[in-house]
Amino acid sequence: YAGANLFTENNLRANTRRIVVVATDGAPNRRIQECSTLGMRNTNQGCTQDMAAYLKAQGPGTEDDVVFVYLPIGNYARLSLFENQEDYQIQAKFEDLEAVRNEVVQTLACTPVV
């Protein structure tokens, strides 16, 4: 599973921000069998929530080391999917994704490295 190996000791750089952007149209994680092998819930939303918590806890510091952006797209993505685990939530429509990309970059570029 890509998320399980996203942040390792081999790919950490000093004074840089580790960023996870999760974009979904409301039907996240169709590969839930891999979540159960990692000890996570094997439902679409449960696996997605568990992986977000796992990623937030990665690395040598606190959970503040990972900046987590939730990008719900369209009308079917639950705004409460991550139960406030995300640092930022930027809502989008499919036709506005290019403008939203710029908003995500601007938000993250203006966030100080902790």
PDB file of N, CA and C in Angstrom:
ATOM      1  N   TYR A   1       0.842  -1.173   0.000  1.00  0.00           N
ATOM      2  CA  TYR A   1       0.000   0.000   0.000  1.00  0.00           C
ATOM      3  C   TYR A   1       0.882   1.229   0.000  1.00  0.00           C
ATOM      4  N   ALA A   2       0.647   2.157  -0.877  1.00  0.00           N
ATOM      5  CA  ALA A   2       1.516   3.316  -1.047  1.00  0.00           C
ATOM      6  C   ALA A   2       1.637   4.140   0.228  1.00  0.00           C
ATOM      7  N   GLY A   3       0.552   4.344   0.926  1.00  0.00           N
ATOM      8  CA  GLY A   3       0.578   5.161   2.128  1.00  0.00           C
ATOM      9  C   GLY A   3       1.455   4.599   3.225  1.00  0.00           C
ATOM     10  N   ALA A   4       1.542   3.288   3.309  1.00  0.00           N
ATOM     11  CA  ALA A   4       2.326   2.655   4.367  1.00  0.00           C
ATOM     12  C   ALA A   4       3.816   2.912   4.201  1.00  0.00           C
ATOM     13  N   ASN A   5       4.252   3.227   2.989  1.00  0.00           N
ATOM     14  CA  ASN A   5       5.674   3.452   2.719  1.00  0.00           C
ATOM     15  C   ASN A   5       5.972   4.870   2.248  1.00  0.00           C
ATOM     16  N   LEU A   6       5.047   5.768   2.460  1.00  0.00           N
ATOM     17  CA  LEU A   6       5.202   7.120   1.942  1.00  0.00           C
ATOM     18  C   LEU A   6       6.307   7.888   2.657  1.00  0.00           C
ATOM     19  N   PHE A   7       6.328   7.825   3.976  1.00  0.00           N
ATOM     20  CA  PHE A   7       7.329   8.553   4.749  1.00  0.00           C
ATOM     21  C   PHE A   7       8.209   7.550   5.476  1.00  0.00           C
ATOM     22  N   THR A   8       9.465   7.502   5.085  1.00  0.00           N
ATOM     23  CA  THR A   8      10.417   6.615   5.743  1.00  0.00           C
ATOM     24  C   THR A   8      11.633   7.432   6.164  1.00  0.00           C
ATOM     25  N   GLU A   9      12.477   6.843   6.971  1.00  0.00           N
ATOM     26  CA  GLU A   9      13.703   7.524   7.387  1.00  0.00           C
ATOM     27  C   GLU A   9      14.583   7.855   6.182  1.00  0.00           C
ATOM     28  N   ASN A  10      14.482   7.081   5.113  1.00  0.00           N
ATOM     29  CA  ASN A  10      15.319   7.288   3.930  1.00  0.00           C
ATOM     30  C   ASN A  10      14.902   8.490   3.092  1.00  0.00           C
ATOM     31  N   ASN A  11      13.658   8.945   3.236  1.00  0.00           N
ATOM     32  CA  ASN A  11      13.234  10.052   2.386  1.00  0.00           C
ATOM     33  C   ASN A  11      12.874  11.313   3.168  1.00  0.00           C
ATOM     34  N   LEU A  12      13.332  11.421   4.406  1.00  0.00           N
ATOM     35  CA  LEU A  12      13.125  12.642   5.169  1.00  0.00           C
ATOM     36  C   LEU A  12      14.227  13.643   4.856  1.00  0.00           C
ATOM     37  N   ARG A  13      13.852  14.909   4.731  1.00  0.00           N
ATOM     38  CA  ARG A  13      14.834  15.979   4.521  1.00  0.00           C
ATOM     39  C   ARG A  13      14.653  17.015   5.617  1.00  0.00           C
ATOM     40  N   ALA A  14      15.732  17.572   6.072  1.00  0.00           N
ATOM     41  CA  ALA A  14      15.679  18.573   7.139  1.00  0.00           C
ATOM     42  C   ALA A  14      14.958  19.829   6.667  1.00  0.00           C
ATOM     43  N   ASN A  15      14.222  20.439   7.568  1.00  0.00           N
ATOM     44  CA  ASN A  15      13.541  21.713   7.330  1.00  0.00           C
ATOM     45  C   ASN A  15      12.601  21.699   6.135  1.00  0.00           C
ATOM     46  N   THR A  16      11.991  20.575   5.886  1.00  0.00           N
ATOM     47  CA  THR A  16      10.991  20.490   4.827  1.00  0.00           C
ATOM     48  C   THR A  16       9.696  19.973   5.426  1.00  0.00           C
ATOM     49  N   ARG A  17       8.657  20.266   4.764  1.00  0.00           N
ATOM     50  CA  ARG A  17       7.327  19.886   5.195  1.00  0.00           C
ATOM     51  C   ARG A  17       6.940  18.597   4.477  1.00  0.00           C
ATOM     52  N   ARG A  18       6.360  17.674   5.206  1.00  0.00           N
ATOM     53  CA  ARG A  18       5.813  16.469   4.588  1.00  0.00           C
ATOM     54  C   ARG A  18       4.322  16.707   4.411  1.00  0.00           C
ATOM     55  N   ILE A  19       3.851  16.535   3.195  1.00  0.00           N
ATOM     56  CA  ILE A  19       2.485  16.921   2.850  1.00  0.00           C
ATOM     57  C   ILE A  19       1.745  15.729   2.258  1.00  0.00           C
ATOM     58  N   VAL A  20       0.512  15.546   2.721  1.00  0.00           N
ATOM     59  CA  VAL A  20      -0.380  14.544   2.159  1.00  0.00           C
ATOM     60  C   VAL A  20      -1.637  15.271   1.709  1.00  0.00           C
ATOM     61  N   VAL A  21      -1.987  15.121   0.443  1.00  0.00           N
ATOM     62  CA  VAL A  21      -3.241  15.655  -0.071  1.00  0.00           C
ATOM     63  C   VAL A  21      -4.111  14.468  -0.446  1.00  0.00           C
ATOM     64  N   VAL A  22      -5.266  14.373   0.201  1.00  0.00           N
ATOM     65  CA  VAL A  22      -6.209  13.306  -0.112  1.00  0.00           C
ATOM     66  C   VAL A  22      -7.387  13.939  -0.839  1.00  0.00           C
ATOM     67  N   ALA A  23      -7.561  13.560  -2.086  1.00  0.00           N
ATOM     68  CA  ALA A  23      -8.675  14.039  -2.902  1.00  0.00           C
ATOM     69  C   ALA A  23      -9.612  12.873  -3.142  1.00  0.00           C
ATOM     70  N   THR A  24     -10.901  13.084  -2.898  1.00  0.00           N
ATOM     71  CA  THR A  24     -11.862  12.019  -3.134  1.00  0.00           C
ATOM     72  C   THR A  24     -13.191  12.585  -3.606  1.00  0.00           C
ATOM     73  N   ASP A  25     -13.877  11.774  -4.391  1.00  0.00           N
ATOM     74  CA  ASP A  25     -15.214  12.144  -4.854  1.00  0.00           C
ATOM     75  C   ASP A  25     -16.287  11.498  -3.980  1.00  0.00           C
ATOM     76  N   GLY A  26     -15.874  10.879  -2.891  1.00  0.00           N
ATOM     77  CA  GLY A  26     -16.821  10.273  -1.971  1.00  0.00           C
ATOM     78  C   GLY A  26     -16.768   8.762  -1.939  1.00  0.00           C
ATOM     79  N   ALA A  27     -15.965   8.162  -2.789  1.00  0.00           N
ATOM     80  CA  ALA A  27     -15.812   6.707  -2.798  1.00  0.00           C
ATOM     81  C   ALA A  27     -14.328   6.370  -2.667  1.00  0.00           C
ATOM     82  N   PRO A  28     -13.750   6.631  -1.490  1.00  0.00           N
ATOM     83  CA  PRO A  28     -12.307   6.429  -1.328  1.00  0.00           C
ATOM     84  C   PRO A  28     -11.913   4.975  -1.206  1.00  0.00           C
ATOM     85  N   ASN A  29     -10.666   4.713  -1.496  1.00  0.00           N
ATOM     86  CA  ASN A  29     -10.000   3.455  -1.188  1.00  0.00           C
ATOM     87  C   ASN A  29     -10.690   2.197  -1.677  1.00  0.00           C
ATOM     88  N   ARG A  30     -10.596   1.949  -2.906  1.00  0.00           N
ATOM     89  CA  ARG A  30     -11.188   0.733  -3.460  1.00  0.00           C
ATOM     90  C   ARG A  30     -10.302  -0.492  -3.231  1.00  0.00           C
ATOM     91  N   ARG A  31      -9.111  -0.306  -2.685  1.00  0.00           N
ATOM     92  CA  ARG A  31      -8.180  -1.417  -2.443  1.00  0.00           C
ATOM     93  C   ARG A  31      -8.122  -1.732  -0.949  1.00  0.00           C
ATOM     94  N   ILE A  32      -9.286  -1.967  -0.341  1.00  0.00           N
ATOM     95  CA  ILE A  32      -9.351  -2.108   1.107  1.00  0.00           C
ATOM     96  C   ILE A  32      -8.716  -3.395   1.622  1.00  0.00           C
ATOM     97  N   GLN A  33      -8.510  -4.398   0.781  1.00  0.00           N
ATOM     98  CA  GLN A  33      -7.881  -5.630   1.263  1.00  0.00           C
ATOM     99  C   GLN A  33      -6.480  -5.361   1.789  1.00  0.00           C
ATOM    100  N   GLU A  34      -5.806  -4.378   1.212  1.00  0.00           N
ATOM    101  CA  GLU A  34      -4.470  -4.026   1.679  1.00  0.00           C
ATOM    102  C   GLU A  34      -4.519  -3.351   3.044  1.00  0.00           C
ATOM    103  N   CYS A  35      -5.598  -2.672   3.341  1.00  0.00           N
ATOM    104  CA  CYS A  35      -5.744  -2.033   4.653  1.00  0.00           C
ATOM    105  C   CYS A  35      -5.821  -3.090   5.743  1.00  0.00           C
ATOM    106  N   SER A  36      -6.562  -4.144   5.508  1.00  0.00           N
ATOM    107  CA  SER A  36      -6.681  -5.173   6.539  1.00  0.00           C
ATOM    108  C   SER A  36      -5.345  -5.859   6.790  1.00  0.00           C
ATOM    109  N   THR A  37      -4.479  -5.950   5.778  1.00  0.00           N
ATOM    110  CA  THR A  37      -3.164  -6.555   6.010  1.00  0.00           C
ATOM    111  C   THR A  37      -2.289  -5.652   6.875  1.00  0.00           C
ATOM    112  N   LEU A  38      -2.618  -4.360   6.935  1.00  0.00           N
ATOM    113  CA  LEU A  38      -1.896  -3.415   7.783  1.00  0.00           C
ATOM    114  C   LEU A  38      -2.564  -3.245   9.143  1.00  0.00           C
ATOM    115  N   GLY A  39      -3.609  -4.032   9.403  1.00  0.00           N
ATOM    116  CA  GLY A  39      -4.311  -3.947  10.676  1.00  0.00           C
ATOM    117  C   GLY A  39      -5.313  -2.808  10.750  1.00  0.00           C
ATOM    118  N   MET A  40      -5.701  -2.289   9.611  1.00  0.00           N
ATOM    119  CA  MET A  40      -6.668  -1.194   9.563  1.00  0.00           C
ATOM    120  C   MET A  40      -8.041  -1.747   9.234  1.00  0.00           C
ATOM    121  N   ARG A  41      -9.044  -0.930   9.465  1.00  0.00           N
ATOM    122  CA  ARG A  41     -10.412  -1.344   9.135  1.00  0.00           C
ATOM    123  C   ARG A  41     -10.522  -1.621   7.641  1.00  0.00           C
ATOM    124  N   ASN A  42     -11.335  -2.596   7.288  1.00  0.00           N
ATOM    125  CA  ASN A  42     -11.437  -2.958   5.874  1.00  0.00           C
ATOM    126  C   ASN A  42     -12.759  -2.505   5.255  1.00  0.00           C
ATOM    127  N   THR A  43     -13.142  -1.288   5.597  1.00  0.00           N
ATOM    128  CA  THR A  43     -14.231  -0.619   4.890  1.00  0.00           C
ATOM    129  C   THR A  43     -13.615   0.569   4.154  1.00  0.00           C
ATOM    130  N   ASN A  44     -14.270   1.035   3.108  1.00  0.00           N
ATOM    131  CA  ASN A  44     -13.701   2.142   2.330  1.00  0.00           C
ATOM    132  C   ASN A  44     -13.362   3.339   3.204  1.00  0.00           C
ATOM    133  N   GLN A  45     -14.324   3.819   3.950  1.00  0.00           N
ATOM    134  CA  GLN A  45     -14.091   5.013   4.753  1.00  0.00           C
ATOM    135  C   GLN A  45     -13.215   4.715   5.968  1.00  0.00           C
ATOM    136  N   GLY A  46     -13.400   3.574   6.592  1.00  0.00           N
ATOM    137  CA  GLY A  46     -12.575   3.217   7.744  1.00  0.00           C
ATOM    138  C   GLY A  46     -11.111   3.114   7.385  1.00  0.00           C
ATOM    139  N   CYS A  47     -10.817   2.481   6.272  1.00  0.00           N
ATOM    140  CA  CYS A  47      -9.433   2.358   5.811  1.00  0.00           C
ATOM    141  C   CYS A  47      -8.846   3.732   5.516  1.00  0.00           C
ATOM    142  N   THR A  48      -9.605   4.581   4.867  1.00  0.00           N
ATOM    143  CA  THR A  48      -9.135   5.923   4.540  1.00  0.00           C
ATOM    144  C   THR A  48      -8.845   6.716   5.807  1.00  0.00           C
ATOM    145  N   GLN A  49      -9.730   6.643   6.778  1.00  0.00           N
ATOM    146  CA  GLN A  49      -9.527   7.345   8.047  1.00  0.00           C
ATOM    147  C   GLN A  49      -8.304   6.803   8.789  1.00  0.00           C
ATOM    148  N   ASP A  50      -8.175   5.475   8.839  1.00  0.00           N
ATOM    149  CA  ASP A  50      -7.047   4.859   9.535  1.00  0.00           C
ATOM    150  C   ASP A  50      -5.716   5.204   8.867  1.00  0.00           C
ATOM    151  N   MET A  51      -5.691   5.222   7.540  1.00  0.00           N
ATOM    152  CA  MET A  51      -4.458   5.558   6.833  1.00  0.00           C
ATOM    153  C   MET A  51      -4.082   7.013   7.089  1.00  0.00           C
ATOM    154  N   ALA A  52      -5.060   7.897   7.151  1.00  0.00           N
ATOM    155  CA  ALA A  52      -4.769   9.300   7.453  1.00  0.00           C
ATOM    156  C   ALA A  52      -4.137   9.426   8.840  1.00  0.00           C
ATOM    157  N   ALA A  53      -4.687   8.736   9.818  1.00  0.00           N
ATOM    158  CA  ALA A  53      -4.122   8.774  11.173  1.00  0.00           C
ATOM    159  C   ALA A  53      -2.715   8.187  11.183  1.00  0.00           C
ATOM    160  N   TYR A  54      -2.512   7.113  10.433  1.00  0.00           N
ATOM    161  CA  TYR A  54      -1.196   6.475  10.333  1.00  0.00           C
ATOM    162  C   TYR A  54      -0.167   7.451   9.749  1.00  0.00           C
ATOM    163  N   LEU A  55      -0.539   8.125   8.663  1.00  0.00           N
ATOM    164  CA  LEU A  55       0.382   9.057   8.025  1.00  0.00           C
ATOM    165  C   LEU A  55       0.689  10.246   8.925  1.00  0.00           C
ATOM    166  N   LYS A  56      -0.313  10.733   9.653  1.00  0.00           N
ATOM    167  CA  LYS A  56      -0.088  11.859  10.558  1.00  0.00           C
ATOM    168  C   LYS A  56       0.906  11.493  11.656  1.00  0.00           C
ATOM    169  N   ALA A  57       0.985  10.225  12.003  1.00  0.00           N
ATOM    170  CA  ALA A  57       1.848   9.787  13.099  1.00  0.00           C
ATOM    171  C   ALA A  57       3.246   9.376  12.641  1.00  0.00           C
ATOM    172  N   GLN A  58       3.539   9.469  11.358  1.00  0.00           N
ATOM    173  CA  GLN A  58       4.827   9.039  10.827  1.00  0.00           C
ATOM    174  C   GLN A  58       5.940  10.016  11.151  1.00  0.00           C
ATOM    175  N   GLY A  59       7.147   9.497  11.206  1.00  0.00           N
ATOM    176  CA  GLY A  59       8.322  10.349  11.320  1.00  0.00           C
ATOM    177  C   GLY A  59       8.826  10.506  12.739  1.00  0.00           C
ATOM    178  N   PRO A  60       9.900  11.239  12.863  1.00  0.00           N
ATOM    179  CA  PRO A  60      10.597  11.346  14.136  1.00  0.00           C
ATOM    180  C   PRO A  60       9.946  12.306  15.127  1.00  0.00           C
ATOM    181  N   GLY A  61       9.068  13.188  14.682  1.00  0.00           N
ATOM    182  CA  GLY A  61       8.487  14.187  15.578  1.00  0.00           C
ATOM    183  C   GLY A  61       7.072  13.849  15.989  1.00  0.00           C
ATOM    184  N   THR A  62       6.279  14.869  16.132  1.00  0.00           N
ATOM    185  CA  THR A  62       4.890  14.708  16.535  1.00  0.00           C
ATOM    186  C   THR A  62       4.020  14.613  15.305  1.00  0.00           C
ATOM    187  N   GLU A  63       2.713  14.487  15.529  1.00  0.00           N
ATOM    188  CA  GLU A  63       1.808  14.411  14.385  1.00  0.00           C
ATOM    189  C   GLU A  63       1.767  15.717  13.607  1.00  0.00           C
ATOM    190  N   ASP A  64       2.308  16.800  14.172  1.00  0.00           N
ATOM    191  CA  ASP A  64       2.390  18.066  13.437  1.00  0.00           C
ATOM    192  C   ASP A  64       3.421  18.022  12.322  1.00  0.00           C
ATOM    193  N   ASP A  65       4.233  16.969  12.261  1.00  0.00           N
ATOM    194  CA  ASP A  65       5.240  16.855  11.212  1.00  0.00           C
ATOM    195  C   ASP A  65       4.629  16.694   9.823  1.00  0.00           C
ATOM    196  N   VAL A  66       3.424  16.170   9.740  1.00  0.00           N
ATOM    197  CA  VAL A  66       2.772  15.922   8.463  1.00  0.00           C
ATOM    198  C   VAL A  66       1.603  16.891   8.306  1.00  0.00           C
ATOM    199  N   VAL A  67       1.592  17.630   7.204  1.00  0.00           N
ATOM    200  CA  VAL A  67       0.487  18.523   6.889  1.00  0.00           C
ATOM    201  C   VAL A  67      -0.490  17.719   6.027  1.00  0.00           C
ATOM    202  N   PHE A  68      -1.717  17.621   6.487  1.00  0.00           N
ATOM    203  CA  PHE A  68      -2.736  16.795   5.842  1.00  0.00           C
ATOM    204  C   PHE A  68      -3.822  17.695   5.272  1.00  0.00           C
ATOM    205  N   VAL A  69      -3.968  17.662   3.938  1.00  0.00           N
ATOM    206  CA  VAL A  69      -4.975  18.459   3.245  1.00  0.00           C
ATOM    207  C   VAL A  69      -6.037  17.512   2.696  1.00  0.00           C
ATOM    208  N   TYR A  70      -7.288  17.779   3.051  1.00  0.00           N
ATOM    209  CA  TYR A  70      -8.402  16.998   2.537  1.00  0.00           C
ATOM    210  C   TYR A  70      -9.096  17.813   1.458  1.00  0.00           C
ATOM    211  N   LEU A  71      -9.235  17.221   0.287  1.00  0.00           N
ATOM    212  CA  LEU A  71      -9.832  17.870  -0.866  1.00  0.00           C
ATOM    213  C   LEU A  71     -11.079  17.091  -1.287  1.00  0.00           C
ATOM    214  N   PRO A  72     -12.240  17.381  -0.658  1.00  0.00           N
ATOM    215  CA  PRO A  72     -13.469  16.716  -1.095  1.00  0.00           C
ATOM    216  C   PRO A  72     -13.935  17.316  -2.416  1.00  0.00           C
ATOM    217  N   ILE A  73     -14.187  16.443  -3.393  1.00  0.00           N
ATOM    218  CA  ILE A  73     -14.538  16.897  -4.736  1.00  0.00           C
ATOM    219  C   ILE A  73     -15.972  16.494  -5.053  1.00  0.00           C
ATOM    220  N   GLY A  74     -16.754  17.456  -5.512  1.00  0.00           N
ATOM    221  CA  GLY A  74     -18.118  17.163  -5.930  1.00  0.00           C
ATOM    222  C   GLY A  74     -19.102  17.126  -4.765  1.00  0.00           C
ATOM    223  N   ASN A  75     -20.281  16.576  -5.056  1.00  0.00           N
ATOM    224  CA  ASN A  75     -21.384  16.603  -4.101  1.00  0.00           C
ATOM    225  C   ASN A  75     -21.455  15.399  -3.172  1.00  0.00           C
ATOM    226  N   TYR A  76     -20.670  14.371  -3.423  1.00  0.00           N
ATOM    227  CA  TYR A  76     -20.826  13.133  -2.661  1.00  0.00           C
ATOM    228  C   TYR A  76     -19.719  12.875  -1.650  1.00  0.00           C
ATOM    229  N   ALA A  77     -18.708  13.697  -1.620  1.00  0.00           N
ATOM    230  CA  ALA A  77     -17.628  13.528  -0.655  1.00  0.00           C
ATOM    231  C   ALA A  77     -18.093  14.071   0.700  1.00  0.00           C
ATOM    232  N   ARG A  78     -17.993  13.241   1.721  1.00  0.00           N
ATOM    233  CA  ARG A  78     -18.392  13.665   3.065  1.00  0.00           C
ATOM    234  C   ARG A  78     -17.385  14.674   3.615  1.00  0.00           C
ATOM    235  N   LEU A  79     -17.875  15.819   4.024  1.00  0.00           N
ATOM    236  CA  LEU A  79     -16.988  16.841   4.575  1.00  0.00           C
ATOM    237  C   LEU A  79     -16.401  16.405   5.906  1.00  0.00           C
ATOM    238  N   SER A  80     -17.083  15.515   6.596  1.00  0.00           N
ATOM    239  CA  SER A  80     -16.621  15.040   7.907  1.00  0.00           C
ATOM    240  C   SER A  80     -15.878  13.710   7.823  1.00  0.00           C
ATOM    241  N   LEU A  81     -15.450  13.312   6.640  1.00  0.00           N
ATOM    242  CA  LEU A  81     -14.824  12.005   6.446  1.00  0.00           C
ATOM    243  C   LEU A  81     -13.673  11.759   7.412  1.00  0.00           C
ATOM    244  N   PHE A  82     -12.828  12.739   7.623  1.00  0.00           N
ATOM    245  CA  PHE A  82     -11.639  12.537   8.452  1.00  0.00           C
ATOM    246  C   PHE A  82     -11.820  12.986   9.892  1.00  0.00           C
ATOM    247  N   GLU A  83     -13.025  13.378  10.229  1.00  0.00           N
ATOM    248  CA  GLU A  83     -13.359  13.712  11.620  1.00  0.00           C
ATOM    249  C   GLU A  83     -12.348  14.686  12.225  1.00  0.00           C
ATOM    250  N   ASN A  84     -12.028  15.728  11.454  1.00  0.00           N
ATOM    251  CA  ASN A  84     -11.127  16.804  11.882  1.00  0.00           C
ATOM    252  C   ASN A  84      -9.669  16.388  12.031  1.00  0.00           C
ATOM    253  N   GLN A  85      -9.249  15.287  11.412  1.00  0.00           N
ATOM    254  CA  GLN A  85      -7.828  14.930  11.403  1.00  0.00           C
ATOM    255  C   GLN A  85      -7.035  15.815  10.451  1.00  0.00           C
ATOM    256  N   GLU A  86      -7.723  16.386   9.461  1.00  0.00           N
ATOM    257  CA  GLU A  86      -7.023  17.171   8.447  1.00  0.00           C
ATOM    258  C   GLU A  86      -6.623  18.527   9.009  1.00  0.00           C
ATOM    259  N   ASP A  87      -5.509  19.047   8.488  1.00  0.00           N
ATOM    260  CA  ASP A  87      -5.069  20.388   8.851  1.00  0.00           C
ATOM    261  C   ASP A  87      -5.809  21.435   8.029  1.00  0.00           C
ATOM    262  N   TYR A  88      -6.118  21.086   6.793  1.00  0.00           N
ATOM    263  CA  TYR A  88      -6.841  21.978   5.894  1.00  0.00           C
ATOM    264  C   TYR A  88      -7.875  21.171   5.135  1.00  0.00           C
ATOM    265  N   GLN A  89      -9.002  21.827   4.876  1.00  0.00           N
ATOM    266  CA  GLN A  89     -10.018  21.227   4.011  1.00  0.00           C
ATOM    267  C   GLN A  89     -10.364  22.270   2.959  1.00  0.00           C
ATOM    268  N   ILE A  90     -10.195  21.894   1.707  1.00  0.00           N
ATOM    269  CA  ILE A  90     -10.486  22.802   0.604  1.00  0.00           C
ATOM    270  C   ILE A  90     -11.471  22.091  -0.307  1.00  0.00           C
ATOM    271  N   GLN A  91     -12.697  22.582  -0.350  1.00  0.00           N
ATOM    272  CA  GLN A  91     -13.749  21.953  -1.143  1.00  0.00           C
ATOM    273  C   GLN A  91     -13.605  22.319  -2.608  1.00  0.00           C
ATOM    274  N   ALA A  92     -13.995  21.373  -3.468  1.00  0.00           N
ATOM    275  CA  ALA A  92     -13.816  21.592  -4.903  1.00  0.00           C
ATOM    276  C   ALA A  92     -14.941  20.973  -5.708  1.00  0.00           C
ATOM    277  N   LYS A  93     -15.125  21.517  -6.878  1.00  0.00           N
ATOM    278  CA  LYS A  93     -15.975  20.916  -7.896  1.00  0.00           C
ATOM    279  C   LYS A  93     -15.036  20.392  -8.973  1.00  0.00           C
ATOM    280  N   PHE A  94     -15.457  19.373  -9.681  1.00  0.00           N
ATOM    281  CA  PHE A  94     -14.600  18.795 -10.718  1.00  0.00           C
ATOM    282  C   PHE A  94     -14.129  19.842 -11.722  1.00  0.00           C
ATOM    283  N   GLU A  95     -15.017  20.737 -12.100  1.00  0.00           N
ATOM    284  CA  GLU A  95     -14.665  21.722 -13.121  1.00  0.00           C
ATOM    285  C   GLU A  95     -13.725  22.814 -12.590  1.00  0.00           C
ATOM    286  N   ASP A  96     -13.515  22.866 -11.276  1.00  0.00           N
ATOM    287  CA  ASP A  96     -12.664  23.902 -10.677  1.00  0.00           C
ATOM    288  C   ASP A  96     -11.326  23.369 -10.167  1.00  0.00           C
ATOM    289  N   LEU A  97     -10.959  22.167 -10.531  1.00  0.00           N
ATOM    290  CA  LEU A  97      -9.765  21.547  -9.938  1.00  0.00           C
ATOM    291  C   LEU A  97      -8.474  22.314 -10.229  1.00  0.00           C
ATOM    292  N   GLU A  98      -8.357  22.931 -11.380  1.00  0.00           N
ATOM    293  CA  GLU A  98      -7.132  23.671 -11.673  1.00  0.00           C
ATOM    294  C   GLU A  98      -6.985  24.871 -10.733  1.00  0.00           C
ATOM    295  N   ALA A  99      -8.059  25.597 -10.506  1.00  0.00           N
ATOM    296  CA  ALA A  99      -8.012  26.731  -9.580  1.00  0.00           C
ATOM    297  C   ALA A  99      -7.774  26.256  -8.155  1.00  0.00           C
ATOM    298  N   VAL A 100      -8.358  25.141  -7.799  1.00  0.00           N
ATOM    299  CA  VAL A 100      -8.183  24.601  -6.451  1.00  0.00           C
ATOM    300  C   VAL A 100      -6.739  24.149  -6.247  1.00  0.00           C
ATOM    301  N   ARG A 101      -6.127  23.601  -7.277  1.00  0.00           N
ATOM    302  CA  ARG A 101      -4.711  23.227  -7.186  1.00  0.00           C
ATOM    303  C   ARG A 101      -3.881  24.433  -6.774  1.00  0.00           C
ATOM    304  N   ASN A 102      -4.151  25.570  -7.383  1.00  0.00           N
ATOM    305  CA  ASN A 102      -3.424  26.787  -7.035  1.00  0.00           C
ATOM    306  C   ASN A 102      -3.696  27.197  -5.590  1.00  0.00           C
ATOM    307  N   GLU A 103      -4.917  27.018  -5.107  1.00  0.00           N
ATOM    308  CA  GLU A 103      -5.257  27.342  -3.725  1.00  0.00           C
ATOM    309  C   GLU A 103      -4.510  26.425  -2.754  1.00  0.00           C
ATOM    310  N   VAL A 104      -4.419  25.146  -3.092  1.00  0.00           N
ATOM    311  CA  VAL A 104      -3.691  24.196  -2.249  1.00  0.00           C
ATOM    312  C   VAL A 104      -2.220  24.596  -2.170  1.00  0.00           C
ATOM    313  N   VAL A 105      -1.612  24.887  -3.315  1.00  0.00           N
ATOM    314  CA  VAL A 105      -0.200  25.275  -3.338  1.00  0.00           C
ATOM    315  C   VAL A 105       0.009  26.554  -2.535  1.00  0.00           C
ATOM    316  N   GLN A 106      -0.863  27.535  -2.697  1.00  0.00           N
ATOM    317  CA  GLN A 106      -0.741  28.795  -1.967  1.00  0.00           C
ATOM    318  C   GLN A 106      -0.890  28.568  -0.465  1.00  0.00           C
ATOM    319  N   THR A 107      -1.838  27.751  -0.070  1.00  0.00           N
ATOM    320  CA  THR A 107      -2.053  27.457   1.353  1.00  0.00           C
ATOM    321  C   THR A 107      -0.809  26.821   1.957  1.00  0.00           C
ATOM    322  N   LEU A 108      -0.253  25.837   1.271  1.00  0.00           N
ATOM    323  CA  LEU A 108       0.898  25.130   1.810  1.00  0.00           C
ATOM    324  C   LEU A 108       2.172  25.964   1.746  1.00  0.00           C
ATOM    325  N   ALA A 109       2.306  26.800   0.735  1.00  0.00           N
ATOM    326  CA  ALA A 109       3.495  27.639   0.614  1.00  0.00           C
ATOM    327  C   ALA A 109       3.550  28.694   1.718  1.00  0.00           C
ATOM    328  N   CYS A 110       2.395  29.068   2.228  1.00  0.00           N
ATOM    329  CA  CYS A 110       2.327  30.116   3.247  1.00  0.00           C
ATOM    330  C   CYS A 110       2.251  29.557   4.659  1.00  0.00           C
ATOM    331  N   THR A 111       2.375  28.249   4.814  1.00  0.00           N
ATOM    332  CA  THR A 111       2.333  27.623   6.121  1.00  0.00           C
ATOM    333  C   THR A 111       3.759  27.445   6.610  1.00  0.00           C
ATOM    334  N   PRO A 112       4.095  27.997   7.779  1.00  0.00           N
ATOM    335  CA  PRO A 112       5.480  27.861   8.247  1.00  0.00           C
ATOM    336  C   PRO A 112       5.860  26.413   8.549  1.00  0.00           C
ATOM    337  N   VAL A 113       7.112  26.086   8.305  1.00  0.00           N
ATOM    338  CA  VAL A 113       7.634  24.768   8.655  1.00  0.00           C
ATOM    339  C   VAL A 113       7.799  24.740  10.159  1.00  0.00           C
ATOM    340  N   VAL A 114       7.258  23.694  10.792  1.00  0.00           N
ATOM    341  CA  VAL A 114       7.345  23.569  12.258  1.00  0.00           C
ATOM    342  C   VAL A 114       8.548  22.784  12.641  1.00  0.00           C
TER     343      VAL A 114
END
